[in-house]
Amino acid sequence: MEQHQEVFASQSLYRKVLCALSRPGELQEIDEKIIEGLDLDKEESPYGSVYLDALALMVLDQQISFCVLGKSASQASEYFHAERQAQVSDASTADFLFVPQCDEEAYQAILDAKPGTLIDPHTSCTAFVLLDEISLAPEGAAQKRISLKGPGIKETNEVYLSDERALKARVARADEYPCGIDMLFVDKNGKLFGLPRSSELEIFGGEA
């Protein structure tokens, strides 16, 4: 029964990730049923986010390479390797990059993340970034306004984030489509925002 619950939770989360990437600027939510189904406990999380843990456990397996940033990188890497037998890598070669905090290390890692090739754009990195807050309106810590346009968006969509530095690194990369990286942002309440490589973005305000 427990294995069935884990599979169901992973499938449910996967559908939310697909929706977030196919509809940029529309927020999804990782609900408690998913967290319970994956048997995650905040007290046991390497960096205190069961939502980032859930995303990692969804995508990692023994054929995947990953890189975790931040103060708890070593502990988190050991945890995910033990749970999924995925291979620990560095930021420039990892299939998946996990960013629990937006800082200079995260900015550089996103700059260095692999973009795929014109022939095989799907070999690019996907970055998962943890933020304090994501919202569709300027409230609380979510005050950095982001405007999006491109596939999956009728005209433009706007989203507000508590920190825009990861997005500034994405802009600085200046990838040419279909190369580039996909990004998923999750906040401490489980709200999920997808930014596929096909989306154009404009950042308003925030620190340089």
Protein backbone atom coordinates (compact mmCIF):
# COMPACT_ATOMS: atom_id res chain seq x y z
CA MET A 1 0.00 0.00 0.00
CA GLU A 2 2.82 2.41 0.86
CA GLN A 3 4.55 1.80 -2.48
CA HIS A 4 1.27 2.44 -4.28
CA GLN A 5 0.89 5.76 -2.43
CA GLU A 6 4.42 6.81 -3.38
CA VAL A 7 3.83 6.04 -7.06
CA PHE A 8 0.52 7.93 -7.03
CA ALA A 9 2.14 10.93 -5.30
CA SER A 10 5.02 11.01 -7.79
CA GLN A 11 2.63 10.85 -10.74
CA SER A 12 0.51 13.63 -9.29
CA LEU A 13 3.57 15.82 -8.76
CA TYR A 14 4.84 15.06 -12.27
CA ARG A 15 1.56 16.29 -13.76
CA LYS A 16 1.87 19.53 -11.79
CA VAL A 17 5.42 20.04 -13.08
CA LEU A 18 4.26 19.47 -16.67
CA CYS A 19 1.44 21.98 -16.18
CA ALA A 20 3.83 24.53 -14.69
CA LEU A 21 6.20 24.23 -17.68
CA SER A 22 3.48 24.19 -20.33
CA ARG A 23 1.65 27.17 -18.81
CA PRO A 24 4.39 29.59 -17.68
CA GLY A 25 3.16 32.09 -15.13
CA GLU A 26 0.28 29.92 -13.89
CA LEU A 27 1.01 28.63 -10.41
CA GLN A 28 0.65 25.01 -9.35
CA GLU A 29 0.66 23.79 -5.75
CA ILE A 30 2.38 20.80 -4.17
CA ASP A 31 -0.28 19.75 -1.69
CA GLU A 32 0.04 17.81 1.54
CA LYS A 33 -1.27 14.59 -0.04
CA ILE A 34 1.84 14.50 -2.24
CA ILE A 35 4.14 15.14 0.71
CA GLU A 36 2.42 12.45 2.78
CA GLY A 37 2.45 10.01 -0.14
CA LEU A 38 6.21 10.43 -0.50
CA ASP A 39 6.57 10.03 3.29
CA LEU A 40 8.56 13.26 3.66
CA ASP A 41 9.24 14.99 6.97
CA LYS A 42 10.52 18.57 7.21
CA GLU A 43 12.63 17.64 10.22
CA GLU A 44 14.52 15.09 8.11
CA SER A 45 15.02 17.35 5.08
CA PRO A 46 18.67 18.29 4.44
CA TYR A 47 17.70 21.95 3.98
CA GLY A 48 14.24 22.12 5.51
CA SER A 49 12.12 22.03 2.34
CA VAL A 50 10.01 18.94 1.75
CA TYR A 51 8.83 20.55 -1.50
CA LEU A 52 12.31 20.66 -3.01
CA ASP A 53 12.87 17.13 -1.66
CA ALA A 54 9.71 15.95 -3.40
CA LEU A 55 10.82 17.39 -6.75
CA ALA A 56 14.24 15.77 -6.39
CA LEU A 57 12.80 12.35 -5.55
CA MET A 58 10.45 12.64 -8.53
CA VAL A 59 13.17 13.18 -11.15
CA LEU A 60 16.24 11.34 -9.83
CA ASP A 61 17.25 7.77 -10.63
CA GLN A 62 20.48 5.84 -11.16
CA GLN A 63 20.89 7.14 -14.73
CA ILE A 64 20.64 10.77 -13.69
CA SER A 65 23.33 13.17 -12.49
CA PHE A 66 22.60 16.01 -10.10
CA CYS A 67 24.20 18.85 -8.17
CA VAL A 68 22.99 20.38 -4.91
CA LEU A 69 24.16 23.84 -3.83
CA GLY A 70 24.28 25.54 -0.45
CA LYS A 71 25.54 24.89 3.07
CA SER A 72 23.88 21.47 3.28
CA ALA A 73 25.03 20.31 -0.18
CA SER A 74 27.06 17.37 1.10
CA GLN A 75 24.27 16.08 3.38
CA ALA A 76 21.61 16.56 0.69
CA SER A 77 23.73 14.84 -1.97
CA GLU A 78 24.25 11.82 0.29
CA TYR A 79 20.52 11.68 1.03
CA PHE A 80 19.41 11.78 -2.62
CA HIS A 81 22.10 9.33 -3.71
CA ALA A 82 21.00 6.91 -1.01
CA GLU A 83 17.32 7.29 -1.91
CA ARG A 84 17.62 7.15 -5.71
CA GLN A 85 21.22 6.03 -6.50
CA ALA A 86 21.60 9.12 -8.71
CA GLN A 87 25.12 10.29 -9.48
CA VAL A 88 26.53 13.39 -7.82
CA SER A 89 28.04 15.81 -10.34
CA ASP A 90 29.14 19.43 -10.58
CA ALA A 91 26.96 22.30 -11.76
CA SER A 92 28.37 22.38 -15.30
CA THR A 93 27.59 18.74 -16.11
CA ALA A 94 24.56 17.90 -13.94
CA ASP A 95 21.22 16.92 -15.46
CA PHE A 96 19.46 18.52 -12.51
CA LEU A 97 20.54 21.43 -10.35
CA PHE A 98 18.99 22.05 -6.92
CA VAL A 99 19.24 25.57 -5.53
CA PRO A 100 18.01 25.94 -1.93
CA GLN A 101 19.21 29.55 -1.69
CA CYS A 102 19.70 32.36 -4.22
CA ASP A 103 23.22 33.72 -3.75
CA GLU A 104 26.44 34.24 -5.72
CA GLU A 105 27.10 30.49 -5.85
CA ALA A 106 23.64 29.88 -7.29
CA TYR A 107 24.05 32.68 -9.84
CA GLN A 108 27.32 31.21 -11.12
CA ALA A 109 25.98 27.65 -11.13
CA ILE A 110 23.00 28.65 -13.27
CA LEU A 111 25.35 30.46 -15.64
CA ASP A 112 27.47 27.29 -15.93
CA ALA A 113 24.59 24.80 -16.29
CA LYS A 114 24.67 22.81 -19.54
CA PRO A 115 22.40 24.15 -22.31
CA GLY A 116 22.09 21.06 -24.49
CA THR A 117 22.93 21.22 -28.20
CA LEU A 118 21.07 22.13 -31.37
CA ILE A 119 20.86 18.42 -32.21
CA ASP A 120 20.04 17.27 -28.65
CA PRO A 121 18.52 20.21 -26.75
CA HIS A 122 16.89 17.76 -24.33
CA THR A 123 20.31 17.03 -22.79
CA SER A 124 20.24 20.42 -21.07
CA CYS A 125 20.04 20.99 -17.33
CA THR A 126 16.84 21.63 -15.39
CA ALA A 127 17.24 23.87 -12.34
CA PHE A 128 14.96 23.70 -9.29
CA VAL A 129 15.09 26.87 -7.20
CA LEU A 130 13.66 27.35 -3.70
CA LEU A 131 12.26 30.81 -2.87
CA ASP A 132 10.58 32.28 0.17
CA GLU A 133 7.45 33.24 -1.73
CA ILE A 134 5.84 33.14 -5.18
CA SER A 135 2.60 34.98 -5.96
CA LEU A 136 0.46 36.33 -8.80
CA ALA A 137 0.24 39.67 -6.97
CA PRO A 138 2.76 41.83 -5.08
CA GLU A 139 2.26 40.62 -1.52
CA GLY A 140 4.47 39.65 1.40
CA ALA A 141 8.00 38.91 0.26
CA ALA A 142 6.89 38.43 -3.37
CA GLN A 143 7.68 41.88 -4.71
CA LYS A 144 9.91 41.24 -7.74
CA ARG A 145 7.70 41.47 -10.84
CA ILE A 146 8.42 39.17 -13.78
CA SER A 147 6.67 39.47 -17.15
CA LEU A 148 6.55 36.40 -19.40
CA LYS A 149 5.61 35.75 -23.01
CA GLY A 150 6.03 32.89 -25.45
CA PRO A 151 4.50 29.43 -26.04
CA GLY A 152 1.74 28.54 -23.58
CA ILE A 153 0.98 32.22 -22.85
CA LYS A 154 -1.89 34.03 -24.60
CA GLU A 155 -0.34 37.50 -24.40
CA THR A 156 1.74 38.08 -21.28
CA ASN A 157 1.68 36.63 -17.79
CA GLU A 158 3.06 38.22 -14.65
CA VAL A 159 4.38 36.54 -11.53
CA TYR A 160 5.94 38.01 -8.39
CA LEU A 161 8.93 36.40 -6.68
CA SER A 162 10.77 37.08 -3.43
CA ASP A 163 14.15 36.92 -5.20
CA GLU A 164 15.04 37.47 -8.86
CA ARG A 165 18.76 36.63 -8.88
CA ALA A 166 18.31 33.16 -10.38
CA LEU A 167 16.32 34.71 -13.21
CA LYS A 168 19.02 37.31 -13.80
CA ALA A 169 21.50 34.47 -14.28
CA ARG A 170 19.12 32.90 -16.79
CA VAL A 171 18.94 36.19 -18.71
CA ALA A 172 22.73 36.61 -18.60
CA ARG A 173 23.18 33.19 -20.24
CA ALA A 174 21.65 34.55 -23.47
CA ASP A 175 20.94 31.05 -24.82
CA GLU A 176 19.54 30.68 -28.32
CA TYR A 177 16.48 28.44 -28.49
CA PRO A 178 16.19 25.42 -28.59
CA CYS A 179 19.27 25.44 -26.35
CA GLY A 180 18.96 26.71 -22.81
CA ILE A 181 17.82 25.51 -19.42
CA ASP A 182 14.38 24.86 -17.99
CA MET A 183 13.73 26.24 -14.51
CA LEU A 184 11.18 25.44 -11.83
CA PHE A 185 10.69 27.63 -8.78
CA VAL A 186 9.00 26.40 -5.63
CA ASP A 187 8.34 28.46 -2.51
CA LYS A 188 8.14 27.51 1.14
CA ASN A 189 4.37 27.06 0.88
CA GLY A 190 4.58 24.60 -2.01
CA LYS A 191 3.63 26.99 -4.84
CA LEU A 192 5.28 25.99 -8.11
CA PHE A 193 6.18 28.23 -11.06
CA GLY A 194 7.68 26.91 -14.31
CA LEU A 195 9.98 28.74 -16.70
CA PRO A 196 10.76 26.70 -19.83
CA ARG A 197 13.64 27.66 -22.11
CA SER A 198 11.10 28.81 -24.72
CA SER A 199 9.78 31.65 -22.53
CA GLU A 200 10.92 35.25 -22.88
CA LEU A 201 11.06 37.21 -19.66
CA GLU A 202 11.46 40.75 -18.43
CA ILE A 203 12.44 41.58 -14.86
CA PHE A 204 11.13 44.78 -13.26
CA GLY A 205 12.89 46.35 -10.30
CA GLY A 206 15.01 44.38 -7.82
CA GLU A 207 18.65 44.71 -6.99
CA ALA A 208 21.23 44.76 -9.76
